[in-house]
Amino acid sequence: QMYPTVYMHPVSRIAECMLKNATLDILKEGII
């Protein structure tokens, strides 16, 4: 029940997808 309600909630998944890609960007740029 926690899986779709919390861990896979569409809004949090969208935000986490954005954060993940932001982090991949600074990794690619060599900032970290």
PDB file of all heavy atoms in Angstrom:
ATOM      1  N   GLN A   1       0.820  -1.215   0.000  1.00  0.00           N
ATOM      2  CA  GLN A   1       0.000   0.000   0.000  1.00  0.00           C
ATOM      3  C   GLN A   1       0.852   1.262   0.000  1.00  0.00           C
ATOM      4  O   GLN A   1       0.465   2.282  -0.577  1.00  0.00           O
ATOM      5  CB  GLN A   1      -0.939  -0.018   1.209  1.00  0.00           C
ATOM      6  CG  GLN A   1      -2.029  -1.074   1.117  1.00  0.00           C
ATOM      7  CD  GLN A   1      -2.863  -1.168   2.381  1.00  0.00           C
ATOM      8  OE1 GLN A   1      -2.351  -1.024   3.497  1.00  0.00           O
ATOM      9  NE2 GLN A   1      -4.149  -1.414   2.230  1.00  0.00           N
ATOM     10  N   MET A   2       2.022   1.204   0.642  1.00  0.00           N
ATOM     11  CA  MET A   2       2.925   2.360   0.654  1.00  0.00           C
ATOM     12  C   MET A   2       3.564   2.570  -0.721  1.00  0.00           C
ATOM     13  O   MET A   2       3.956   3.690  -1.063  1.00  0.00           O
ATOM     14  CB  MET A   2       4.031   2.148   1.692  1.00  0.00           C
ATOM     15  CG  MET A   2       3.565   2.173   3.138  1.00  0.00           C
ATOM     16  SD  MET A   2       3.224   3.836   3.731  1.00  0.00           S
ATOM     17  CE  MET A   2       4.887   4.425   4.037  1.00  0.00           C
ATOM     18  N   TYR A   3       3.678   1.520  -1.492  1.00  0.00           N
ATOM     19  CA  TYR A   3       4.380   1.580  -2.773  1.00  0.00           C
ATOM     20  C   TYR A   3       3.752   2.616  -3.718  1.00  0.00           C
ATOM     21  O   TYR A   3       4.439   3.565  -4.130  1.00  0.00           O
ATOM     22  CB  TYR A   3       4.403   0.180  -3.398  1.00  0.00           C
ATOM     23  CG  TYR A   3       5.214   0.059  -4.667  1.00  0.00           C
ATOM     24  CD1 TYR A   3       6.603   0.045  -4.640  1.00  0.00           C
ATOM     25  CD2 TYR A   3       4.587  -0.072  -5.904  1.00  0.00           C
ATOM     26  CE1 TYR A   3       7.350  -0.080  -5.805  1.00  0.00           C
ATOM     27  CE2 TYR A   3       5.314  -0.195  -7.071  1.00  0.00           C
ATOM     28  CZ  TYR A   3       6.693  -0.204  -7.016  1.00  0.00           C
ATOM     29  OH  TYR A   3       7.422  -0.323  -8.180  1.00  0.00           O
ATOM     30  N   PRO A   4       2.473   2.519  -4.083  1.00  0.00           N
ATOM     31  CA  PRO A   4       1.907   3.542  -4.981  1.00  0.00           C
ATOM     32  C   PRO A   4       1.562   4.846  -4.276  1.00  0.00           C
ATOM     33  O   PRO A   4       1.604   5.921  -4.881  1.00  0.00           O
ATOM     34  CB  PRO A   4       0.642   2.865  -5.530  1.00  0.00           C
ATOM     35  CG  PRO A   4       0.232   1.915  -4.456  1.00  0.00           C
ATOM     36  CD  PRO A   4       1.500   1.455  -3.798  1.00  0.00           C
ATOM     37  N   THR A   5       1.250   4.769  -2.985  1.00  0.00           N
ATOM     38  CA  THR A   5       0.772   5.946  -2.264  1.00  0.00           C
ATOM     39  C   THR A   5       1.893   6.898  -1.890  1.00  0.00           C
ATOM     40  O   THR A   5       1.736   8.122  -1.954  1.00  0.00           O
ATOM     41  CB  THR A   5       0.033   5.516  -0.969  1.00  0.00           C
ATOM     42  OG1 THR A   5      -0.926   4.521  -1.292  1.00  0.00           O
ATOM     43  CG2 THR A   5      -0.663   6.704  -0.315  1.00  0.00           C
ATOM     44  N   VAL A   6       3.050   6.350  -1.518  1.00  0.00           N
ATOM     45  CA  VAL A   6       4.176   7.171  -1.057  1.00  0.00           C
ATOM     46  C   VAL A   6       5.376   7.052  -1.996  1.00  0.00           C
ATOM     47  O   VAL A   6       5.800   8.024  -2.614  1.00  0.00           O
ATOM     48  CB  VAL A   6       4.582   6.785   0.382  1.00  0.00           C
ATOM     49  CG1 VAL A   6       5.813   7.574   0.825  1.00  0.00           C
ATOM     50  CG2 VAL A   6       3.424   7.021   1.345  1.00  0.00           C
ATOM     51  N   TYR A   7       5.932   5.850  -2.110  1.00  0.00           N
ATOM     52  CA  TYR A   7       7.205   5.679  -2.808  1.00  0.00           C
ATOM     53  C   TYR A   7       7.120   5.932  -4.312  1.00  0.00           C
ATOM     54  O   TYR A   7       8.094   6.356  -4.928  1.00  0.00           O
ATOM     55  CB  TYR A   7       7.769   4.277  -2.532  1.00  0.00           C
ATOM     56  CG  TYR A   7       7.903   3.981  -1.062  1.00  0.00           C
ATOM     57  CD1 TYR A   7       7.364   2.829  -0.496  1.00  0.00           C
ATOM     58  CD2 TYR A   7       8.554   4.873  -0.219  1.00  0.00           C
ATOM     59  CE1 TYR A   7       7.481   2.556   0.862  1.00  0.00           C
ATOM     60  CE2 TYR A   7       8.678   4.617   1.139  1.00  0.00           C
ATOM     61  CZ  TYR A   7       8.132   3.464   1.676  1.00  0.00           C
ATOM     62  OH  TYR A   7       8.242   3.207   3.023  1.00  0.00           O
ATOM     63  N   MET A   8       5.956   5.658  -4.909  1.00  0.00           N
ATOM     64  CA  MET A   8       5.796   5.861  -6.355  1.00  0.00           C
ATOM     65  C   MET A   8       4.793   6.980  -6.665  1.00  0.00           C
ATOM     66  O   MET A   8       4.247   7.019  -7.767  1.00  0.00           O
ATOM     67  CB  MET A   8       5.322   4.559  -7.021  1.00  0.00           C
ATOM     68  CG  MET A   8       6.366   3.484  -7.048  1.00  0.00           C
ATOM     69  SD  MET A   8       7.725   3.868  -8.182  1.00  0.00           S
ATOM     70  CE  MET A   8       9.132   3.444  -7.169  1.00  0.00           C
ATOM     71  N   HIS A   9       4.558   7.866  -5.711  1.00  0.00           N
ATOM     72  CA  HIS A   9       3.606   8.961  -5.957  1.00  0.00           C
ATOM     73  C   HIS A   9       4.087   9.766  -7.167  1.00  0.00           C
ATOM     74  O   HIS A   9       5.267  10.157  -7.239  1.00  0.00           O
ATOM     75  CB  HIS A   9       3.509   9.856  -4.730  1.00  0.00           C
ATOM     76  CG  HIS A   9       2.373  10.827  -4.805  1.00  0.00           C
ATOM     77  ND1 HIS A   9       2.403  11.953  -5.605  1.00  0.00           N
ATOM     78  CD2 HIS A   9       1.157  10.835  -4.188  1.00  0.00           C
ATOM     79  CE1 HIS A   9       1.270  12.618  -5.481  1.00  0.00           C
ATOM     80  NE2 HIS A   9       0.505  11.959  -4.632  1.00  0.00           N
ATOM     81  N   PRO A  10       3.207  10.048  -8.138  1.00  0.00           N
ATOM     82  CA  PRO A  10       3.634  10.716  -9.375  1.00  0.00           C
ATOM     83  C   PRO A  10       4.360  12.041  -9.157  1.00  0.00           C
ATOM     84  O   PRO A  10       5.352  12.322  -9.841  1.00  0.00           O
ATOM     85  CB  PRO A  10       2.317  10.932 -10.136  1.00  0.00           C
ATOM     86  CG  PRO A  10       1.402   9.869  -9.619  1.00  0.00           C
ATOM     87  CD  PRO A  10       1.778   9.681  -8.182  1.00  0.00           C
ATOM     88  N   VAL A  11       3.899  12.863  -8.220  1.00  0.00           N
ATOM     89  CA  VAL A  11       4.521  14.176  -8.026  1.00  0.00           C
ATOM     90  C   VAL A  11       5.927  14.044  -7.452  1.00  0.00           C
ATOM     91  O   VAL A  11       6.866  14.702  -7.917  1.00  0.00           O
ATOM     92  CB  VAL A  11       3.639  15.076  -7.126  1.00  0.00           C
ATOM     93  CG1 VAL A  11       4.359  16.389  -6.816  1.00  0.00           C
ATOM     94  CG2 VAL A  11       2.302  15.364  -7.805  1.00  0.00           C
ATOM     95  N   SER A  12       6.095  13.184  -6.448  1.00  0.00           N
ATOM     96  CA  SER A  12       7.440  13.016  -5.878  1.00  0.00           C
ATOM     97  C   SER A  12       8.374  12.357  -6.890  1.00  0.00           C
ATOM     98  O   SER A  12       9.562  12.682  -6.953  1.00  0.00           O
ATOM     99  CB  SER A  12       7.393  12.208  -4.575  1.00  0.00           C
ATOM    100  OG  SER A  12       6.867  10.924  -4.785  1.00  0.00           O
ATOM    101  N   ARG A  13       7.853  11.460  -7.718  1.00  0.00           N
ATOM    102  CA  ARG A  13       8.677  10.843  -8.762  1.00  0.00           C
ATOM    103  C   ARG A  13       9.143  11.887  -9.780  1.00  0.00           C
ATOM    104  O   ARG A  13      10.284  11.848 -10.237  1.00  0.00           O
ATOM    105  CB  ARG A  13       7.895   9.739  -9.483  1.00  0.00           C
ATOM    106  CG  ARG A  13       7.626   8.501  -8.664  1.00  0.00           C
ATOM    107  CD  ARG A  13       8.852   7.691  -8.368  1.00  0.00           C
ATOM    108  NE  ARG A  13       9.474   7.120  -9.556  1.00  0.00           N
ATOM    109  CZ  ARG A  13      10.513   6.304  -9.511  1.00  0.00           C
ATOM    110  NH1 ARG A  13      11.061   5.975  -8.346  1.00  0.00           N
ATOM    111  NH2 ARG A  13      11.053   5.820 -10.616  1.00  0.00           N
ATOM    112  N   ILE A  14       8.269  12.818 -10.141  1.00  0.00           N
ATOM    113  CA  ILE A  14       8.645  13.879 -11.078  1.00  0.00           C
ATOM    114  C   ILE A  14       9.763  14.729 -10.470  1.00  0.00           C
ATOM    115  O   ILE A  14      10.783  15.003 -11.116  1.00  0.00           O
ATOM    116  CB  ILE A  14       7.429  14.765 -11.431  1.00  0.00           C
ATOM    117  CG1 ILE A  14       6.444  13.997 -12.319  1.00  0.00           C
ATOM    118  CG2 ILE A  14       7.870  16.050 -12.134  1.00  0.00           C
ATOM    119  CD1 ILE A  14       5.124  14.708 -12.545  1.00  0.00           C
ATOM    120  N   ALA A  15       9.566  15.164  -9.224  1.00  0.00           N
ATOM    121  CA  ALA A  15      10.565  16.006  -8.565  1.00  0.00           C
ATOM    122  C   ALA A  15      11.899  15.282  -8.446  1.00  0.00           C
ATOM    123  O   ALA A  15      12.968  15.865  -8.680  1.00  0.00           O
ATOM    124  CB  ALA A  15      10.060  16.421  -7.183  1.00  0.00           C
ATOM    125  N   GLU A  16      11.859  14.007  -8.099  1.00  0.00           N
ATOM    126  CA  GLU A  16      13.094  13.239  -7.947  1.00  0.00           C
ATOM    127  C   GLU A  16      13.774  13.005  -9.294  1.00  0.00           C
ATOM    128  O   GLU A  16      15.006  12.974  -9.385  1.00  0.00           O
ATOM    129  CB  GLU A  16      12.793  11.917  -7.234  1.00  0.00           C
ATOM    130  CG  GLU A  16      12.471  12.130  -5.752  1.00  0.00           C
ATOM    131  CD  GLU A  16      11.861  10.925  -5.071  1.00  0.00           C
ATOM    132  OE1 GLU A  16      11.709   9.880  -5.755  1.00  0.00           O
ATOM    133  OE2 GLU A  16      11.534  11.012  -3.878  1.00  0.00           O
ATOM    134  N   CYS A  17      12.986  12.859 -10.334  1.00  0.00           N
ATOM    135  CA  CYS A  17      13.542  12.726 -11.679  1.00  0.00           C
ATOM    136  C   CYS A  17      14.277  14.012 -12.081  1.00  0.00           C
ATOM    137  O   CYS A  17      15.364  13.967 -12.667  1.00  0.00           O
ATOM    138  CB  CYS A  17      12.417  12.426 -12.668  1.00  0.00           C
ATOM    139  SG  CYS A  17      12.972  11.990 -14.320  1.00  0.00           S
ATOM    140  N   MET A  18      13.704  15.151 -11.744  1.00  0.00           N
ATOM    141  CA  MET A  18      14.347  16.440 -12.030  1.00  0.00           C
ATOM    142  C   MET A  18      15.641  16.593 -11.238  1.00  0.00           C
ATOM    143  O   MET A  18      16.671  17.009 -11.772  1.00  0.00           O
ATOM    144  CB  MET A  18      13.374  17.582 -11.707  1.00  0.00           C
ATOM    145  CG  MET A  18      12.173  17.655 -12.627  1.00  0.00           C
ATOM    146  SD  MET A  18      10.904  18.826 -12.050  1.00  0.00           S
ATOM    147  CE  MET A  18      11.781  20.391 -12.189  1.00  0.00           C
ATOM    148  N   LEU A  19      15.600  16.240  -9.950  1.00  0.00           N
ATOM    149  CA  LEU A  19      16.792  16.347  -9.108  1.00  0.00           C
ATOM    150  C   LEU A  19      17.894  15.405  -9.598  1.00  0.00           C
ATOM    151  O   LEU A  19      19.074  15.771  -9.625  1.00  0.00           O
ATOM    152  CB  LEU A  19      16.434  16.034  -7.655  1.00  0.00           C
ATOM    153  CG  LEU A  19      17.574  16.162  -6.641  1.00  0.00           C
ATOM    154  CD1 LEU A  19      18.057  17.605  -6.545  1.00  0.00           C
ATOM    155  CD2 LEU A  19      17.142  15.656  -5.266  1.00  0.00           C
ATOM    156  N   LYS A  20      17.495  14.203  -9.988  1.00  0.00           N
ATOM    157  CA  LYS A  20      18.464  13.235 -10.501  1.00  0.00           C
ATOM    158  C   LYS A  20      19.159  13.792 -11.743  1.00  0.00           C
ATOM    159  O   LYS A  20      20.392  13.728 -11.865  1.00  0.00           O
ATOM    160  CB  LYS A  20      17.753  11.924 -10.841  1.00  0.00           C
ATOM    161  CG  LYS A  20      18.680  10.854 -11.403  1.00  0.00           C
ATOM    162  CD  LYS A  20      17.913   9.615 -11.801  1.00  0.00           C
ATOM    163  CE  LYS A  20      17.160   9.843 -13.106  1.00  0.00           C
ATOM    164  NZ  LYS A  20      16.533   8.601 -13.614  1.00  0.00           N
ATOM    165  N   ASN A  21      18.395  14.356 -12.664  1.00  0.00           N
ATOM    166  CA  ASN A  21      18.982  14.883 -13.896  1.00  0.00           C
ATOM    167  C   ASN A  21      19.803  16.146 -13.645  1.00  0.00           C
ATOM    168  O   ASN A  21      20.802  16.383 -14.343  1.00  0.00           O
ATOM    169  CB  ASN A  21      17.880  15.135 -14.930  1.00  0.00           C
ATOM    170  CG  ASN A  21      17.458  13.861 -15.644  1.00  0.00           C
ATOM    171  OD1 ASN A  21      18.105  13.416 -16.581  1.00  0.00           O
ATOM    172  ND2 ASN A  21      16.380  13.265 -15.170  1.00  0.00           N
ATOM    173  N   ALA A  22      19.413  16.938 -12.655  1.00  0.00           N
ATOM    174  CA  ALA A  22      20.221  18.101 -12.280  1.00  0.00           C
ATOM    175  C   ALA A  22      21.579  17.646 -11.755  1.00  0.00           C
ATOM    176  O   ALA A  22      22.620  18.226 -12.076  1.00  0.00           O
ATOM    177  CB  ALA A  22      19.489  18.926 -11.218  1.00  0.00           C
ATOM    178  N   THR A  23      21.574  16.577 -10.957  1.00  0.00           N
ATOM    179  CA  THR A  23      22.815  16.037 -10.402  1.00  0.00           C
ATOM    180  C   THR A  23      23.689  15.411 -11.493  1.00  0.00           C
ATOM    181  O   THR A  23      24.907  15.587 -11.494  1.00  0.00           O
ATOM    182  CB  THR A  23      22.495  15.003  -9.306  1.00  0.00           C
ATOM    183  OG1 THR A  23      21.653  15.605  -8.308  1.00  0.00           O
ATOM    184  CG2 THR A  23      23.770  14.493  -8.650  1.00  0.00           C
ATOM    185  N   LEU A  24      23.047  14.711 -12.413  1.00  0.00           N
ATOM    186  CA  LEU A  24      23.798  14.143 -13.539  1.00  0.00           C
ATOM    187  C   LEU A  24      24.460  15.240 -14.359  1.00  0.00           C
ATOM    188  O   LEU A  24      25.555  15.060 -14.896  1.00  0.00           O
ATOM    189  CB  LEU A  24      22.868  13.304 -14.426  1.00  0.00           C
ATOM    190  CG  LEU A  24      22.456  11.933 -13.865  1.00  0.00           C
ATOM    191  CD1 LEU A  24      21.365  11.310 -14.724  1.00  0.00           C
ATOM    192  CD2 LEU A  24      23.661  10.994 -13.793  1.00  0.00           C
ATOM    193  N   ASP A  25      23.808  16.400 -14.444  1.00  0.00           N
ATOM    194  CA  ASP A  25      24.364  17.527 -15.202  1.00  0.00           C
ATOM    195  C   ASP A  25      25.662  18.028 -14.562  1.00  0.00           C
ATOM    196  O   ASP A  25      26.657  18.245 -15.262  1.00  0.00           O
ATOM    197  CB  ASP A  25      23.340  18.663 -15.285  1.00  0.00           C
ATOM    198  CG  ASP A  25      23.818  19.810 -16.155  1.00  0.00           C
ATOM    199  OD1 ASP A  25      23.834  19.652 -17.386  1.00  0.00           O
ATOM    200  OD2 ASP A  25      24.193  20.864 -15.594  1.00  0.00           O
ATOM    201  N   ILE A  26      25.671  18.195 -13.231  1.00  0.00           N
ATOM    202  CA  ILE A  26      26.893  18.702 -12.593  1.00  0.00           C
ATOM    203  C   ILE A  26      27.976  17.624 -12.516  1.00  0.00           C
ATOM    204  O   ILE A  26      29.158  17.932 -12.448  1.00  0.00           O
ATOM    205  CB  ILE A  26      26.624  19.313 -11.192  1.00  0.00           C
ATOM    206  CG1 ILE A  26      25.988  18.296 -10.235  1.00  0.00           C
ATOM    207  CG2 ILE A  26      25.756  20.569 -11.321  1.00  0.00           C
ATOM    208  CD1 ILE A  26      25.837  18.819  -8.813  1.00  0.00           C
ATOM    209  N   LEU A  27      27.568  16.355 -12.540  1.00  0.00           N
ATOM    210  CA  LEU A  27      28.559  15.279 -12.646  1.00  0.00           C
ATOM    211  C   LEU A  27      29.218  15.306 -14.025  1.00  0.00           C
ATOM    212  O   LEU A  27      30.436  15.175 -14.156  1.00  0.00           O
ATOM    213  CB  LEU A  27      27.891  13.924 -12.407  1.00  0.00           C
ATOM    214  CG  LEU A  27      27.596  13.535 -10.957  1.00  0.00           C
ATOM    215  CD1 LEU A  27      26.633  12.358 -10.900  1.00  0.00           C
ATOM    216  CD2 LEU A  27      28.881  13.188 -10.211  1.00  0.00           C
ATOM    217  N   LYS A  28      28.391  15.497 -15.041  1.00  0.00           N
ATOM    218  CA  LYS A  28      28.897  15.550 -16.417  1.00  0.00           C
ATOM    219  C   LYS A  28      29.825  16.740 -16.623  1.00  0.00           C
ATOM    220  O   LYS A  28      30.839  16.647 -17.327  1.00  0.00           O
ATOM    221  CB  LYS A  28      27.709  15.625 -17.386  1.00  0.00           C
ATOM    222  CG  LYS A  28      28.081  15.623 -18.847  1.00  0.00           C
ATOM    223  CD  LYS A  28      26.837  15.694 -19.718  1.00  0.00           C
ATOM    224  CE  LYS A  28      27.207  15.746 -21.195  1.00  0.00           C
ATOM    225  NZ  LYS A  28      25.987  15.854 -22.057  1.00  0.00           N
ATOM    226  N   GLU A  29      29.487  17.861 -15.976  1.00  0.00           N
ATOM    227  CA  GLU A  29      30.298  19.074 -16.106  1.00  0.00           C
ATOM    228  C   GLU A  29      31.580  19.009 -15.274  1.00  0.00           C
ATOM    229  O   GLU A  29      32.438  19.886 -15.378  1.00  0.00           O
ATOM    230  CB  GLU A  29      29.473  20.296 -15.689  1.00  0.00           C
ATOM    231  CG  GLU A  29      28.303  20.615 -16.605  1.00  0.00           C
ATOM    232  CD  GLU A  29      28.736  20.996 -18.007  1.00  0.00           C
ATOM    233  OE1 GLU A  29      29.757  21.715 -18.124  1.00  0.00           O
ATOM    234  OE2 GLU A  29      28.072  20.585 -18.980  1.00  0.00           O
ATOM    235  N   GLY A  30      31.700  17.982 -14.438  1.00  0.00           N
ATOM    236  CA  GLY A  30      32.896  17.836 -13.612  1.00  0.00           C
ATOM    237  C   GLY A  30      32.902  18.708 -12.376  1.00  0.00           C
ATOM    238  O   GLY A  30      33.938  18.849 -11.706  1.00  0.00           O
ATOM    239  N   ILE A  31      31.750  19.301 -12.052  1.00  0.00           N
ATOM    240  CA  ILE A  31      31.658  20.151 -10.855  1.00  0.00           C
ATOM    241  C   ILE A  31      31.817  19.299  -9.595  1.00  0.00           C
ATOM    242  O   ILE A  31      32.432  19.718  -8.616  1.00  0.00           O
ATOM    243  CB  ILE A  31      30.319  20.913 -10.850  1.00  0.00           C
ATOM    244  CG1 ILE A  31      30.267  21.879 -12.054  1.00  0.00           C
ATOM    245  CG2 ILE A  31      30.122  21.686  -9.544  1.00  0.00           C
ATOM    246  CD1 ILE A  31      28.917  22.534 -12.261  1.00  0.00           C
ATOM    247  N   ILE A  32      31.253  18.098  -9.625  1.00  0.00           N
ATOM    248  CA  ILE A  32      31.447  17.130  -8.537  1.00  0.00           C
ATOM    249  C   ILE A  32      31.794  15.779  -9.151  1.00  0.00           C
ATOM    250  O   ILE A  32      31.573  15.557 -10.343  1.00  0.00           O
ATOM    251  CB  ILE A  32      30.210  16.990  -7.626  1.00  0.00           C
ATOM    252  CG1 ILE A  32      29.015  16.433  -8.418  1.00  0.00           C
ATOM    253  CG2 ILE A  32      29.865  18.300  -6.942  1.00  0.00           C
ATOM    254  CD1 ILE A  32      27.841  16.031  -7.551  1.00  0.00           C
TER     255      ILE A  32
END
